[in-house]
Amino acid sequence: MKHATTYGVRELARLAGVSVRTLHHYDQIGLLTPSSRTAAGYRQYGADDLMRLQQILFFKELDVPLGEIRAILDDPEFDQI
């Protein structure tokens, strides 16, 4: 049985080249919500979260404001691919 890959907040931050504080901020504003939390309350991110973070960073490079990025990514008509 294959287990899904999960990342802690520090590991995801390292992989994406952002700060832990940035990930906490994205969670706080509802832009990137962790897939789950441990019993101790630590954020756990999955592969889908990593893909969403990559999309967020792409739009940030284009100087799109965070509120607009959230609206784009949450739009049901947004093509994920």
PDB file of N, CA and C in Angstrom:
ATOM      1  N   MET A   1       0.840  -1.177   0.000  1.00  0.00           N
ATOM      2  CA  MET A   1       0.000   0.000   0.000  1.00  0.00           C
ATOM      3  C   MET A   1       0.886   1.242   0.000  1.00  0.00           C
ATOM      4  N   LYS A   2       0.633   2.169  -0.911  1.00  0.00           N
ATOM      5  CA  LYS A   2       1.430   3.380  -1.026  1.00  0.00           C
ATOM      6  C   LYS A   2       0.786   4.491  -0.201  1.00  0.00           C
ATOM      7  N   HIS A   3       1.604   5.180   0.586  1.00  0.00           N
ATOM      8  CA  HIS A   3       1.107   6.283   1.402  1.00  0.00           C
ATOM      9  C   HIS A   3       1.304   7.604   0.655  1.00  0.00           C
ATOM     10  N   ALA A   4       0.364   8.501   0.826  1.00  0.00           N
ATOM     11  CA  ALA A   4       0.475   9.813   0.210  1.00  0.00           C
ATOM     12  C   ALA A   4       1.613  10.588   0.876  1.00  0.00           C
ATOM     13  N   THR A   5       2.333  11.339   0.077  1.00  0.00           N
ATOM     14  CA  THR A   5       3.416  12.158   0.604  1.00  0.00           C
ATOM     15  C   THR A   5       2.835  13.366   1.305  1.00  0.00           C
ATOM     16  N   THR A   6       3.325  13.632   2.498  1.00  0.00           N
ATOM     17  CA  THR A   6       2.933  14.840   3.215  1.00  0.00           C
ATOM     18  C   THR A   6       4.185  15.613   3.584  1.00  0.00           C
ATOM     19  N   TYR A   7       4.011  16.914   3.701  1.00  0.00           N
ATOM     20  CA  TYR A   7       5.112  17.811   4.024  1.00  0.00           C
ATOM     21  C   TYR A   7       4.725  18.646   5.234  1.00  0.00           C
ATOM     22  N   GLY A   8       5.658  18.809   6.136  1.00  0.00           N
ATOM     23  CA  GLY A   8       5.472  19.768   7.215  1.00  0.00           C
ATOM     24  C   GLY A   8       5.693  21.163   6.660  1.00  0.00           C
ATOM     25  N   VAL A   9       5.369  22.160   7.454  1.00  0.00           N
ATOM     26  CA  VAL A   9       5.460  23.536   6.975  1.00  0.00           C
ATOM     27  C   VAL A   9       6.904  23.918   6.630  1.00  0.00           C
ATOM     28  N   ARG A  10       7.865  23.490   7.412  1.00  0.00           N
ATOM     29  CA  ARG A  10       9.267  23.830   7.118  1.00  0.00           C
ATOM     30  C   ARG A  10       9.744  23.155   5.828  1.00  0.00           C
ATOM     31  N   GLU A  11       9.352  21.907   5.655  1.00  0.00           N
ATOM     32  CA  GLU A  11       9.767  21.178   4.453  1.00  0.00           C
ATOM     33  C   GLU A  11       9.154  21.796   3.198  1.00  0.00           C
ATOM     34  N   LEU A  12       7.867  22.138   3.268  1.00  0.00           N
ATOM     35  CA  LEU A  12       7.216  22.762   2.115  1.00  0.00           C
ATOM     36  C   LEU A  12       7.852  24.117   1.814  1.00  0.00           C
ATOM     37  N   ALA A  13       8.131  24.892   2.849  1.00  0.00           N
ATOM     38  CA  ALA A  13       8.774  26.192   2.662  1.00  0.00           C
ATOM     39  C   ALA A  13      10.125  26.026   1.973  1.00  0.00           C
ATOM     40  N   ARG A  14      10.894  25.049   2.407  1.00  0.00           N
ATOM     41  CA  ARG A  14      12.210  24.800   1.805  1.00  0.00           C
ATOM     42  C   ARG A  14      12.067  24.389   0.340  1.00  0.00           C
ATOM     43  N   LEU A  15      11.131  23.484   0.058  1.00  0.00           N
ATOM     44  CA  LEU A  15      10.928  23.018  -1.316  1.00  0.00           C
ATOM     45  C   LEU A  15      10.529  24.155  -2.254  1.00  0.00           C
ATOM     46  N   ALA A  16       9.708  25.071  -1.751  1.00  0.00           N
ATOM     47  CA  ALA A  16       9.169  26.137  -2.600  1.00  0.00           C
ATOM     48  C   ALA A  16      10.019  27.406  -2.583  1.00  0.00           C
ATOM     49  N   GLY A  17      10.958  27.492  -1.654  1.00  0.00           N
ATOM     50  CA  GLY A  17      11.785  28.687  -1.581  1.00  0.00           C
ATOM     51  C   GLY A  17      11.073  29.881  -0.981  1.00  0.00           C
ATOM     52  N   VAL A  18      10.154  29.618  -0.052  1.00  0.00           N
ATOM     53  CA  VAL A  18       9.450  30.686   0.653  1.00  0.00           C
ATOM     54  C   VAL A  18       9.686  30.510   2.148  1.00  0.00           C
ATOM     55  N   SER A  19       9.289  31.502   2.924  1.00  0.00           N
ATOM     56  CA  SER A  19       9.471  31.405   4.367  1.00  0.00           C
ATOM     57  C   SER A  19       8.295  30.680   5.014  1.00  0.00           C
ATOM     58  N   VAL A  20       8.546  30.156   6.192  1.00  0.00           N
ATOM     59  CA  VAL A  20       7.475  29.537   6.976  1.00  0.00           C
ATOM     60  C   VAL A  20       6.402  30.584   7.266  1.00  0.00           C
ATOM     61  N   ARG A  21       6.827  31.806   7.550  1.00  0.00           N
ATOM     62  CA  ARG A  21       5.877  32.887   7.829  1.00  0.00           C
ATOM     63  C   ARG A  21       4.960  33.127   6.628  1.00  0.00           C
ATOM     64  N   THR A  22       5.495  33.035   5.427  1.00  0.00           N
ATOM     65  CA  THR A  22       4.675  33.198   4.222  1.00  0.00           C
ATOM     66  C   THR A  22       3.586  32.135   4.174  1.00  0.00           C
ATOM     67  N   LEU A  23       3.946  30.890   4.450  1.00  0.00           N
ATOM     68  CA  LEU A  23       2.949  29.813   4.446  1.00  0.00           C
ATOM     69  C   LEU A  23       1.900  30.035   5.523  1.00  0.00           C
ATOM     70  N   HIS A  24       2.323  30.496   6.697  1.00  0.00           N
ATOM     71  CA  HIS A  24       1.357  30.794   7.764  1.00  0.00           C
ATOM     72  C   HIS A  24       0.407  31.906   7.315  1.00  0.00           C
ATOM     73  N   HIS A  25       0.958  32.926   6.644  1.00  0.00           N
ATOM     74  CA  HIS A  25       0.128  34.029   6.151  1.00  0.00           C
ATOM     75  C   HIS A  25      -0.873  33.537   5.109  1.00  0.00           C
ATOM     76  N   TYR A  26      -0.414  32.716   4.176  1.00  0.00           N
ATOM     77  CA  TYR A  26      -1.313  32.179   3.156  1.00  0.00           C
ATOM     78  C   TYR A  26      -2.433  31.362   3.792  1.00  0.00           C
ATOM     79  N   ASP A  27      -2.122  30.636   4.848  1.00  0.00           N
ATOM     80  CA  ASP A  27      -3.145  29.877   5.573  1.00  0.00           C
ATOM     81  C   ASP A  27      -4.125  30.838   6.238  1.00  0.00           C
ATOM     82  N   GLN A  28      -3.595  31.870   6.872  1.00  0.00           N
ATOM     83  CA  GLN A  28      -4.426  32.835   7.588  1.00  0.00           C
ATOM     84  C   GLN A  28      -5.422  33.537   6.663  1.00  0.00           C
ATOM     85  N   ILE A  29      -5.007  33.851   5.436  1.00  0.00           N
ATOM     86  CA  ILE A  29      -5.899  34.563   4.513  1.00  0.00           C
ATOM     87  C   ILE A  29      -6.702  33.614   3.625  1.00  0.00           C
ATOM     88  N   GLY A  30      -6.531  32.310   3.819  1.00  0.00           N
ATOM     89  CA  GLY A  30      -7.317  31.340   3.066  1.00  0.00           C
ATOM     90  C   GLY A  30      -6.812  31.065   1.665  1.00  0.00           C
ATOM     91  N   LEU A  31      -5.574  31.442   1.386  1.00  0.00           N
ATOM     92  CA  LEU A  31      -5.013  31.226   0.053  1.00  0.00           C
ATOM     93  C   LEU A  31      -4.460  29.813  -0.103  1.00  0.00           C
ATOM     94  N   LEU A  32      -3.835  29.305   0.942  1.00  0.00           N
ATOM     95  CA  LEU A  32      -3.271  27.953   0.920  1.00  0.00           C
ATOM     96  C   LEU A  32      -3.529  27.310   2.278  1.00  0.00           C
ATOM     97  N   THR A  33      -4.537  26.478   2.324  1.00  0.00           N
ATOM     98  CA  THR A  33      -4.917  25.808   3.563  1.00  0.00           C
ATOM     99  C   THR A  33      -4.315  24.412   3.577  1.00  0.00           C
ATOM    100  N   PRO A  34      -3.658  24.034   4.674  1.00  0.00           N
ATOM    101  CA  PRO A  34      -3.073  22.689   4.729  1.00  0.00           C
ATOM    102  C   PRO A  34      -4.139  21.607   4.611  1.00  0.00           C
ATOM    103  N   SER A  35      -3.759  20.485   4.014  1.00  0.00           N
ATOM    104  CA  SER A  35      -4.689  19.364   3.847  1.00  0.00           C
ATOM    105  C   SER A  35      -5.157  18.812   5.177  1.00  0.00           C
ATOM    106  N   SER A  36      -4.267  18.845   6.160  1.00  0.00           N
ATOM    107  CA  SER A  36      -4.616  18.302   7.475  1.00  0.00           C
ATOM    108  C   SER A  36      -3.701  18.909   8.524  1.00  0.00           C
ATOM    109  N   ARG A  37      -3.983  18.532   9.750  1.00  0.00           N
ATOM    110  CA  ARG A  37      -3.134  18.923  10.877  1.00  0.00           C
ATOM    111  C   ARG A  37      -2.880  17.689  11.720  1.00  0.00           C
ATOM    112  N   THR A  38      -1.722  17.666  12.350  1.00  0.00           N
ATOM    113  CA  THR A  38      -1.402  16.555  13.239  1.00  0.00           C
ATOM    114  C   THR A  38      -2.212  16.699  14.521  1.00  0.00           C
ATOM    115  N   ALA A  39      -2.150  15.683  15.363  1.00  0.00           N
ATOM    116  CA  ALA A  39      -2.841  15.742  16.654  1.00  0.00           C
ATOM    117  C   ALA A  39      -2.349  16.924  17.481  1.00  0.00           C
ATOM    118  N   ALA A  40      -1.107  17.321  17.270  1.00  0.00           N
ATOM    119  CA  ALA A  40      -0.533  18.449  17.997  1.00  0.00           C
ATOM    120  C   ALA A  40      -0.841  19.793  17.325  1.00  0.00           C
ATOM    121  N   GLY A  41      -1.544  19.765  16.182  1.00  0.00           N
ATOM    122  CA  GLY A  41      -1.937  20.993  15.503  1.00  0.00           C
ATOM    123  C   GLY A  41      -0.982  21.478  14.430  1.00  0.00           C
ATOM    124  N   TYR A  42       0.051  20.706  14.129  1.00  0.00           N
ATOM    125  CA  TYR A  42       0.999  21.107  13.088  1.00  0.00           C
ATOM    126  C   TYR A  42       0.383  20.933  11.703  1.00  0.00           C
ATOM    127  N   ARG A  43       0.661  21.899  10.836  1.00  0.00           N
ATOM    128  CA  ARG A  43       0.142  21.859   9.472  1.00  0.00           C
ATOM    129  C   ARG A  43       0.798  20.730   8.679  1.00  0.00           C
ATOM    130  N   GLN A  44      -0.012  20.031   7.878  1.00  0.00           N
ATOM    131  CA  GLN A  44       0.473  18.976   6.992  1.00  0.00           C
ATOM    132  C   GLN A  44      -0.033  19.288   5.587  1.00  0.00           C
ATOM    133  N   TYR A  45       0.885  19.348   4.647  1.00  0.00           N
ATOM    134  CA  TYR A  45       0.554  19.666   3.264  1.00  0.00           C
ATOM    135  C   TYR A  45       0.764  18.446   2.379  1.00  0.00           C
ATOM    136  N   GLY A  46      -0.063  18.307   1.361  1.00  0.00           N
ATOM    137  CA  GLY A  46       0.051  17.196   0.422  1.00  0.00           C
ATOM    138  C   GLY A  46       0.492  17.674  -0.950  1.00  0.00           C
ATOM    139  N   ALA A  47       0.504  16.758  -1.899  1.00  0.00           N
ATOM    140  CA  ALA A  47       0.935  17.065  -3.266  1.00  0.00           C
ATOM    141  C   ALA A  47       0.047  18.130  -3.910  1.00  0.00           C
ATOM    142  N   ASP A  48      -1.261  18.083  -3.649  1.00  0.00           N
ATOM    143  CA  ASP A  48      -2.165  19.096  -4.210  1.00  0.00           C
ATOM    144  C   ASP A  48      -1.845  20.478  -3.650  1.00  0.00           C
ATOM    145  N   ASP A  49      -1.477  20.526  -2.368  1.00  0.00           N
ATOM    146  CA  ASP A  49      -1.106  21.804  -1.754  1.00  0.00           C
ATOM    147  C   ASP A  49       0.172  22.355  -2.379  1.00  0.00           C
ATOM    148  N   LEU A  50       1.125  21.473  -2.642  1.00  0.00           N
ATOM    149  CA  LEU A  50       2.368  21.894  -3.289  1.00  0.00           C
ATOM    150  C   LEU A  50       2.081  22.445  -4.682  1.00  0.00           C
ATOM    151  N   MET A  51       1.195  21.803  -5.432  1.00  0.00           N
ATOM    152  CA  MET A  51       0.842  22.294  -6.763  1.00  0.00           C
ATOM    153  C   MET A  51       0.161  23.664  -6.665  1.00  0.00           C
ATOM    154  N   ARG A  52      -0.731  23.823  -5.703  1.00  0.00           N
ATOM    155  CA  ARG A  52      -1.396  25.117  -5.533  1.00  0.00           C
ATOM    156  C   ARG A  52      -0.371  26.192  -5.170  1.00  0.00           C
ATOM    157  N   LEU A  53       0.575  25.856  -4.299  1.00  0.00           N
ATOM    158  CA  LEU A  53       1.610  26.821  -3.934  1.00  0.00           C
ATOM    159  C   LEU A  53       2.429  27.223  -5.158  1.00  0.00           C
ATOM    160  N   GLN A  54       2.750  26.288  -6.012  1.00  0.00           N
ATOM    161  CA  GLN A  54       3.485  26.612  -7.238  1.00  0.00           C
ATOM    162  C   GLN A  54       2.675  27.553  -8.122  1.00  0.00           C
ATOM    163  N   GLN A  55       1.359  27.345  -8.180  1.00  0.00           N
ATOM    164  CA  GLN A  55       0.496  28.235  -8.961  1.00  0.00           C
ATOM    165  C   GLN A  55       0.466  29.630  -8.335  1.00  0.00           C
ATOM    166  N   ILE A  56       0.387  29.690  -7.014  1.00  0.00           N
ATOM    167  CA  ILE A  56       0.400  30.979  -6.312  1.00  0.00           C
ATOM    168  C   ILE A  56       1.679  31.737  -6.646  1.00  0.00           C
ATOM    169  N   LEU A  57       2.807  31.043  -6.563  1.00  0.00           N
ATOM    170  CA  LEU A  57       4.094  31.689  -6.825  1.00  0.00           C
ATOM    171  C   LEU A  57       4.216  32.137  -8.279  1.00  0.00           C
ATOM    172  N   PHE A  58       3.624  31.381  -9.201  1.00  0.00           N
ATOM    173  CA  PHE A  58       3.603  31.781 -10.611  1.00  0.00           C
ATOM    174  C   PHE A  58       2.871  33.112 -10.773  1.00  0.00           C
ATOM    175  N   PHE A  59       1.675  33.212 -10.191  1.00  0.00           N
ATOM    176  CA  PHE A  59       0.897  34.444 -10.312  1.00  0.00           C
ATOM    177  C   PHE A  59       1.569  35.604  -9.578  1.00  0.00           C
ATOM    178  N   LYS A  60       2.237  35.320  -8.462  1.00  0.00           N
ATOM    179  CA  LYS A  60       2.976  36.375  -7.757  1.00  0.00           C
ATOM    180  C   LYS A  60       4.081  36.941  -8.634  1.00  0.00           C
ATOM    181  N   GLU A  61       4.745  36.092  -9.407  1.00  0.00           N
ATOM    182  CA  GLU A  61       5.790  36.563 -10.327  1.00  0.00           C
ATOM    183  C   GLU A  61       5.216  37.520 -11.367  1.00  0.00           C
ATOM    184  N   LEU A  62       3.937  37.383 -11.657  1.00  0.00           N
ATOM    185  CA  LEU A  62       3.255  38.269 -12.608  1.00  0.00           C
ATOM    186  C   LEU A  62       2.661  39.491 -11.910  1.00  0.00           C
ATOM    187  N   ASP A  63       2.987  39.666 -10.618  1.00  0.00           N
ATOM    188  CA  ASP A  63       2.511  40.790  -9.796  1.00  0.00           C
ATOM    189  C   ASP A  63       0.997  40.818  -9.614  1.00  0.00           C
ATOM    190  N   VAL A  64       0.375  39.656  -9.613  1.00  0.00           N
ATOM    191  CA  VAL A  64      -1.060  39.565  -9.344  1.00  0.00           C
ATOM    192  C   VAL A  64      -1.241  39.630  -7.824  1.00  0.00           C
ATOM    193  N   PRO A  65      -2.126  40.512  -7.313  1.00  0.00           N
ATOM    194  CA  PRO A  65      -2.354  40.597  -5.866  1.00  0.00           C
ATOM    195  C   PRO A  65      -2.899  39.282  -5.298  1.00  0.00           C
ATOM    196  N   LEU A  66      -2.585  39.016  -4.031  1.00  0.00           N
ATOM    197  CA  LEU A  66      -2.976  37.753  -3.404  1.00  0.00           C
ATOM    198  C   LEU A  66      -4.484  37.515  -3.442  1.00  0.00           C
ATOM    199  N   GLY A  67      -5.275  38.554  -3.237  1.00  0.00           N
ATOM    200  CA  GLY A  67      -6.729  38.397  -3.285  1.00  0.00           C
ATOM    201  C   GLY A  67      -7.214  37.950  -4.654  1.00  0.00           C
ATOM    202  N   GLU A  68      -6.588  38.480  -5.684  1.00  0.00           N
ATOM    203  CA  GLU A  68      -6.952  38.080  -7.042  1.00  0.00           C
ATOM    204  C   GLU A  68      -6.477  36.660  -7.340  1.00  0.00           C
ATOM    205  N   ILE A  69      -5.311  36.299  -6.812  1.00  0.00           N
ATOM    206  CA  ILE A  69      -4.814  34.933  -7.000  1.00  0.00           C
ATOM    207  C   ILE A  69      -5.796  33.944  -6.392  1.00  0.00           C
ATOM    208  N   ARG A  70      -6.268  34.246  -5.188  1.00  0.00           N
ATOM    209  CA  ARG A  70      -7.238  33.356  -4.538  1.00  0.00           C
ATOM    210  C   ARG A  70      -8.494  33.229  -5.387  1.00  0.00           C
ATOM    211  N   ALA A  71      -8.987  34.350  -5.908  1.00  0.00           N
ATOM    212  CA  ALA A  71     -10.195  34.318  -6.740  1.00  0.00           C
ATOM    213  C   ALA A  71      -9.970  33.492  -8.008  1.00  0.00           C
ATOM    214  N   ILE A  72      -8.811  33.644  -8.620  1.00  0.00           N
ATOM    215  CA  ILE A  72      -8.498  32.887  -9.840  1.00  0.00           C
ATOM    216  C   ILE A  72      -8.455  31.392  -9.545  1.00  0.00           C
ATOM    217  N   LEU A  73      -7.687  31.016  -8.511  1.00  0.00           N
ATOM    218  CA  LEU A  73      -7.501  29.595  -8.212  1.00  0.00           C
ATOM    219  C   LEU A  73      -8.774  28.929  -7.700  1.00  0.00           C
ATOM    220  N   ASP A  74      -9.631  29.702  -7.042  1.00  0.00           N
ATOM    221  CA  ASP A  74     -10.870  29.134  -6.505  1.00  0.00           C
ATOM    222  C   ASP A  74     -12.016  29.144  -7.509  1.00  0.00           C
ATOM    223  N   ASP A  75     -11.812  29.790  -8.653  1.00  0.00           N
ATOM    224  CA  ASP A  75     -12.846  29.829  -9.686  1.00  0.00           C
ATOM    225  C   ASP A  75     -13.023  28.424 -10.259  1.00  0.00           C
ATOM    226  N   PRO A  76     -14.259  27.901 -10.254  1.00  0.00           N
ATOM    227  CA  PRO A  76     -14.491  26.548 -10.774  1.00  0.00           C
ATOM    228  C   PRO A  76     -14.093  26.386 -12.242  1.00  0.00           C
ATOM    229  N   GLU A  77     -14.028  27.478 -12.976  1.00  0.00           N
ATOM    230  CA  GLU A  77     -13.667  27.403 -14.389  1.00  0.00           C
ATOM    231  C   GLU A  77     -12.164  27.502 -14.621  1.00  0.00           C
ATOM    232  N   PHE A  78     -11.390  27.700 -13.544  1.00  0.00           N
ATOM    233  CA  PHE A  78      -9.929  27.770 -13.680  1.00  0.00           C
ATOM    234  C   PHE A  78      -9.394  26.409 -14.077  1.00  0.00           C
ATOM    235  N   ASP A  79      -8.602  26.380 -15.144  1.00  0.00           N
ATOM    236  CA  ASP A  79      -8.013  25.133 -15.634  1.00  0.00           C
ATOM    237  C   ASP A  79      -6.734  24.865 -14.856  1.00  0.00           C
ATOM    238  N   GLN A  80      -6.734  23.829 -14.037  1.00  0.00           N
ATOM    239  CA  GLN A  80      -5.607  23.505 -13.176  1.00  0.00           C
ATOM    240  C   GLN A  80      -4.360  23.104 -13.952  1.00  0.00           C
ATOM    241  N   ILE A  81      -4.517  22.677 -15.177  1.00  0.00           N
ATOM    242  CA  ILE A  81      -3.363  22.168 -15.927  1.00  0.00           C
ATOM    243  C   ILE A  81      -2.708  23.237 -16.746  1.00  0.00           C
TER     244      ILE A  81
END
